[in-house]
Amino acid sequence: MTEVTDADFEAEVIGADLPVLVEFTADWCPPCRQMGPVLSSLAFEEGDRLKVVQLDVDTNPETTNAYKVLSMPTFMVFRGGEPVKSMVGARPKRRLLEELADVL
């Protein structure tokens, strides 16, 4: 799983060929830490059709503010450079896959 920043968000997410799942996360967020293994597994298993990245909200305020992220973890799916889905809160992998089915 890739970490993105304000500086490379445009290239890594907006310009990506695949749909991109962005987790807006923070080190101090227990549910975010809980999602780490789930997202790593998802990135490994679905890497041919979905790019999975994390963005630390504390060190990347420009992107966080631009997408009006207020709660962590927030998940946004970008396709064709546009956000097409948003979800808030930790969830099991099975549920996350169900929620992503319409954008993959």
Protein backbone atom coordinates (compact mmCIF):
# COMPACT_ATOMS: atom_id res chain seq x y z
CA MET A 1 0.00 0.00 0.00
CA THR A 2 1.28 3.42 -0.98
CA GLU A 3 1.33 6.55 1.15
CA VAL A 4 0.47 9.74 -0.71
CA THR A 5 0.97 13.38 0.23
CA ASP A 6 -0.37 16.78 -0.77
CA ALA A 7 2.61 17.02 -3.14
CA ASP A 8 1.96 13.80 -5.07
CA PHE A 9 -1.82 13.37 -4.69
CA GLU A 10 -2.45 14.72 -8.19
CA ALA A 11 -0.03 12.27 -9.83
CA GLU A 12 -0.78 9.22 -7.67
CA VAL A 13 -4.57 9.55 -7.35
CA ILE A 14 -6.05 12.01 -9.83
CA GLY A 15 -3.85 10.80 -12.68
CA ALA A 16 -4.11 7.08 -11.93
CA ASP A 17 -5.27 4.66 -14.62
CA LEU A 18 -7.06 2.42 -12.10
CA PRO A 19 -9.74 3.37 -9.60
CA VAL A 20 -8.01 4.51 -6.38
CA LEU A 21 -9.21 3.86 -2.82
CA VAL A 22 -7.80 6.59 -0.57
CA GLU A 23 -7.86 6.13 3.18
CA PHE A 24 -7.66 9.46 4.98
CA THR A 25 -5.96 8.37 8.18
CA ALA A 26 -4.04 9.52 11.26
CA ASP A 27 -1.50 7.86 13.55
CA TRP A 28 -3.62 8.65 16.62
CA CYS A 29 -6.76 6.99 15.17
CA PRO A 30 -7.39 3.44 16.53
CA PRO A 31 -9.98 2.52 13.84
CA CYS A 32 -7.47 3.64 11.20
CA ARG A 33 -4.83 1.32 12.64
CA GLN A 34 -7.44 -1.46 12.67
CA MET A 35 -7.98 -0.96 8.92
CA GLY A 36 -4.26 -1.28 8.08
CA PRO A 37 -4.21 -5.08 7.63
CA VAL A 38 -7.56 -5.00 5.80
CA LEU A 39 -6.29 -2.43 3.31
CA SER A 40 -2.95 -4.20 2.84
CA SER A 41 -4.79 -7.41 2.05
CA LEU A 42 -7.15 -5.60 -0.32
CA ALA A 43 -4.22 -3.92 -2.10
CA PHE A 44 -2.53 -7.30 -2.56
CA GLU A 45 -5.63 -9.17 -3.73
CA GLU A 46 -7.21 -6.47 -5.91
CA GLY A 47 -4.06 -4.71 -7.13
CA ASP A 48 -4.77 -5.45 -10.77
CA ARG A 49 -8.04 -3.47 -10.67
CA LEU A 50 -7.75 -1.13 -7.66
CA LYS A 51 -4.96 1.04 -6.29
CA VAL A 52 -5.06 1.47 -2.49
CA VAL A 53 -3.32 4.44 -0.85
CA GLN A 54 -3.23 6.22 2.50
CA LEU A 55 -3.03 9.93 3.20
CA ASP A 56 -2.13 11.19 6.69
CA VAL A 57 -4.54 14.02 7.49
CA ASP A 58 -2.21 15.66 10.01
CA THR A 59 0.68 16.13 7.60
CA ASN A 60 -1.42 16.76 4.47
CA PRO A 61 -3.97 19.45 5.31
CA GLU A 62 -4.42 20.76 1.75
CA THR A 63 -5.88 17.55 0.35
CA THR A 64 -7.78 16.82 3.56
CA ASN A 65 -9.44 20.24 3.45
CA ALA A 66 -10.04 20.13 -0.30
CA TYR A 67 -12.18 17.00 0.11
CA LYS A 68 -13.78 18.20 3.38
CA VAL A 69 -12.60 15.21 5.39
CA LEU A 70 -13.67 15.56 9.02
CA SER A 71 -13.71 11.99 10.39
CA MET A 72 -11.17 9.21 10.31
CA PRO A 73 -10.97 6.85 8.71
CA THR A 74 -12.64 8.30 5.64
CA PHE A 75 -12.40 6.28 2.45
CA MET A 76 -12.82 7.90 -0.95
CA VAL A 77 -12.77 6.15 -4.29
CA PHE A 78 -11.47 8.15 -7.23
CA ARG A 79 -12.09 7.07 -10.81
CA GLY A 80 -11.07 9.13 -13.78
CA GLY A 81 -9.69 11.79 -11.44
CA GLU A 82 -13.02 12.36 -9.68
CA PRO A 83 -14.31 11.16 -6.31
CA VAL A 84 -17.11 8.67 -7.00
CA LYS A 85 -17.73 7.17 -3.55
CA SER A 86 -17.13 8.12 0.07
CA MET A 87 -17.38 5.99 3.23
CA VAL A 88 -16.63 6.82 6.86
CA GLY A 89 -15.58 4.41 9.59
CA ALA A 90 -13.81 1.08 9.97
CA ARG A 91 -15.45 -1.96 8.43
CA PRO A 92 -14.61 -5.62 7.81
CA LYS A 93 -12.97 -6.52 4.53
CA ARG A 94 -16.05 -8.36 3.24
CA ARG A 95 -18.25 -5.30 3.74
CA LEU A 96 -15.65 -3.01 2.19
CA LEU A 97 -15.51 -5.23 -0.91
CA GLU A 98 -19.32 -5.20 -1.14
CA GLU A 99 -19.31 -1.39 -0.98
CA LEU A 100 -16.61 -1.19 -3.64
CA ALA A 101 -18.30 -3.60 -6.06
CA ASP A 102 -20.11 -0.87 -8.00
CA VAL A 103 -16.93 1.12 -8.65
CA LEU A 104 -14.60 -1.70 -9.64
